[in-house]
């Protein structure tokens, strides 16, 4: 039996070290926060009633529309927050899978994308304001924090 030459051993060691480095880099990239910057185009609240997906409320910079007549008066008289906690509880009595969504025009990538976010972050969002936000790496369409407004 022949033993590998020292040159083959060092080449193998370098290749293994390089593979380990690439593996460590991909793990790092997976868990590193991912930030984007953009401006809100519109925001909406959606839910499922029965087997039907419904848009409950839609707001743009120029228009505020409540599509569910039952909640129209509640939403239109609320200045402090778009959706307060008691309103959220009322919505949850009627709708399953209540979601808060925003469409953001990404300034760096020059594209628009829609994201899900918490009620608290939804209420913080403002039109004509540049927003820096962190995206969840596992759930690509989910904002997990607002960094700067």
Protein backbone atom coordinates (compact mmCIF):
# COMPACT_ATOMS: atom_id res chain seq x y z
CA UNK A 1 0.00 0.00 0.00
CA UNK A 2 1.19 3.44 -0.80
CA UNK A 3 0.78 6.41 1.47
CA UNK A 4 -0.45 9.70 0.05
CA UNK A 5 2.23 12.21 -0.70
CA UNK A 6 2.53 15.26 1.57
CA UNK A 7 1.42 17.45 -1.35
CA UNK A 8 -1.86 15.46 -1.73
CA UNK A 9 -2.49 15.70 2.02
CA UNK A 10 -2.05 19.48 2.04
CA UNK A 11 -4.31 19.86 -1.04
CA UNK A 12 -7.00 17.75 0.65
CA UNK A 13 -6.64 19.79 3.86
CA UNK A 14 -6.99 23.05 1.95
CA UNK A 15 -10.09 21.78 0.12
CA UNK A 16 -11.68 20.64 3.40
CA UNK A 17 -10.89 23.97 5.05
CA UNK A 18 -12.35 25.83 2.08
CA UNK A 19 -15.55 23.71 2.19
CA UNK A 20 -15.86 24.35 5.94
CA UNK A 21 -15.41 28.08 5.35
CA UNK A 22 -18.16 28.12 2.68
CA UNK A 23 -20.48 26.17 5.01
CA UNK A 24 -19.82 28.60 7.89
CA UNK A 25 -20.42 31.58 5.57
CA UNK A 26 -23.82 30.25 4.41
CA UNK A 27 -24.88 29.62 8.03
CA UNK A 28 -23.80 33.17 8.92
CA UNK A 29 -25.74 34.62 5.97
CA UNK A 30 -28.86 32.69 7.00
CA UNK A 31 -28.92 34.17 10.51
CA UNK A 32 -27.60 37.66 9.75
CA UNK A 33 -30.30 40.36 9.86
CA UNK A 34 -31.52 41.51 6.44
CA UNK A 35 -32.47 45.18 6.17
CA UNK A 36 -34.29 47.03 3.41
CA UNK A 37 -35.24 50.66 2.84
CA UNK A 38 -38.37 51.91 1.13
CA UNK A 39 -41.54 53.95 1.19
CA UNK A 40 -45.03 52.62 1.89
CA UNK A 41 -47.33 52.55 -1.14
CA UNK A 42 -50.43 51.21 0.61
CA UNK A 43 -51.49 49.16 3.62
CA UNK A 44 -54.35 46.78 4.13
CA UNK A 45 -55.96 44.45 6.63
CA UNK A 46 -57.11 41.04 5.39
CA UNK A 47 -58.89 38.09 6.90
CA UNK A 48 -60.68 34.87 6.08
CA UNK A 49 -64.41 34.58 6.66
CA UNK A 50 -65.78 31.12 5.95
CA UNK A 51 -63.91 30.01 2.84
CA UNK A 52 -63.50 33.54 1.49
CA UNK A 53 -60.39 35.74 1.61
CA UNK A 54 -61.47 39.33 2.25
CA UNK A 55 -59.85 42.74 2.28
CA UNK A 56 -61.25 44.51 5.33
CA UNK A 57 -59.49 47.87 5.03
CA UNK A 58 -57.28 49.47 2.38
CA UNK A 59 -55.39 52.74 2.77
CA UNK A 60 -53.33 54.65 0.25
CA UNK A 61 -51.75 58.09 0.60
CA UNK A 62 -54.88 59.66 -0.92
CA UNK A 63 -57.70 57.31 0.06
CA UNK A 64 -58.92 55.36 3.08
CA UNK A 65 -61.46 52.60 2.32
CA UNK A 66 -63.17 50.24 4.76
CA UNK A 67 -64.75 47.41 2.76
CA UNK A 68 -66.54 45.75 5.69
CA UNK A 69 -69.57 47.92 6.52
CA UNK A 70 -69.69 46.50 10.06
CA UNK A 71 -66.32 48.10 10.87
CA UNK A 72 -66.62 51.24 8.73
CA UNK A 73 -67.65 53.59 11.55
CA UNK A 74 -65.04 52.20 13.96
CA UNK A 75 -62.14 52.66 11.55
CA UNK A 76 -63.14 56.09 10.30
CA UNK A 77 -63.30 57.63 13.80
CA UNK A 78 -59.95 56.34 14.98
CA UNK A 79 -57.16 58.93 14.82
CA UNK A 80 -54.50 57.62 17.22
CA UNK A 81 -54.08 54.14 15.75
CA UNK A 82 -55.33 52.58 12.59
CA UNK A 83 -56.17 49.37 14.47
CA UNK A 84 -56.41 49.45 18.27
CA UNK A 85 -56.23 46.29 20.39
CA UNK A 86 -60.02 46.25 21.10
CA UNK A 87 -60.71 46.62 17.37
CA UNK A 88 -58.33 43.76 16.66
CA UNK A 89 -60.27 41.55 19.08
CA UNK A 90 -63.56 42.45 17.35
CA UNK A 91 -62.02 41.63 13.97
CA UNK A 92 -60.78 38.27 15.28
CA UNK A 93 -64.33 37.37 16.33
CA UNK A 94 -65.42 37.66 12.70
CA UNK A 95 -62.30 36.74 10.71
CA UNK A 96 -59.75 33.94 10.83
CA UNK A 97 -56.12 34.52 9.87
CA UNK A 98 -56.21 38.29 10.36
CA UNK A 99 -53.18 39.82 8.63
CA UNK A 100 -51.71 43.29 8.46
CA UNK A 101 -49.92 43.97 5.18
CA UNK A 102 -48.02 46.85 3.59
CA UNK A 103 -46.71 47.36 0.09
CA UNK A 104 -43.30 48.98 0.08
CA UNK A 105 -41.45 50.52 -2.84
CA UNK A 106 -37.85 49.40 -2.25
CA UNK A 107 -35.70 52.41 -3.11
CA UNK A 108 -32.43 50.51 -3.69
CA UNK A 109 -33.82 47.64 -5.76
CA UNK A 110 -36.46 49.73 -7.55
CA UNK A 111 -39.19 47.15 -6.98
CA UNK A 112 -42.39 46.89 -4.96
CA UNK A 113 -43.12 44.09 -2.52
CA UNK A 114 -45.84 43.28 -0.04
CA UNK A 115 -44.97 42.34 3.54
CA UNK A 116 -46.84 41.02 6.56
CA UNK A 117 -46.20 42.70 9.90
CA UNK A 118 -47.52 43.02 13.43
CA UNK A 119 -50.40 45.33 14.36
CA UNK A 120 -47.99 47.56 16.28
CA UNK A 121 -45.67 47.97 13.28
CA UNK A 122 -48.68 48.42 10.99
CA UNK A 123 -49.86 51.34 13.12
CA UNK A 124 -46.37 52.93 13.05
CA UNK A 125 -46.13 53.03 9.25
CA UNK A 126 -46.56 56.45 7.60
CA UNK A 127 -46.90 57.53 3.98
CA UNK A 128 -44.20 59.64 2.29
CA UNK A 129 -41.66 58.57 4.90
CA UNK A 130 -38.53 56.53 4.19
CA UNK A 131 -38.58 53.41 6.34
CA UNK A 132 -35.72 51.07 7.17
CA UNK A 133 -36.96 47.67 8.27
CA UNK A 134 -35.69 44.18 9.04
CA UNK A 135 -37.06 41.21 7.11
CA UNK A 136 -37.40 37.75 8.62
CA UNK A 137 -34.92 35.46 6.84
CA UNK A 138 -37.14 32.38 7.23
CA UNK A 139 -40.44 34.04 6.22
CA UNK A 140 -39.30 36.33 3.41
CA UNK A 141 -42.49 38.41 3.29
CA UNK A 142 -42.51 39.31 6.98
CA UNK A 143 -41.21 42.49 8.63
CA UNK A 144 -39.94 41.78 12.14
CA UNK A 145 -38.81 45.26 13.13
CA UNK A 146 -38.85 48.90 12.06
CA UNK A 147 -35.30 50.21 12.41
CA UNK A 148 -35.74 53.84 11.36
CA UNK A 149 -38.50 56.10 10.06
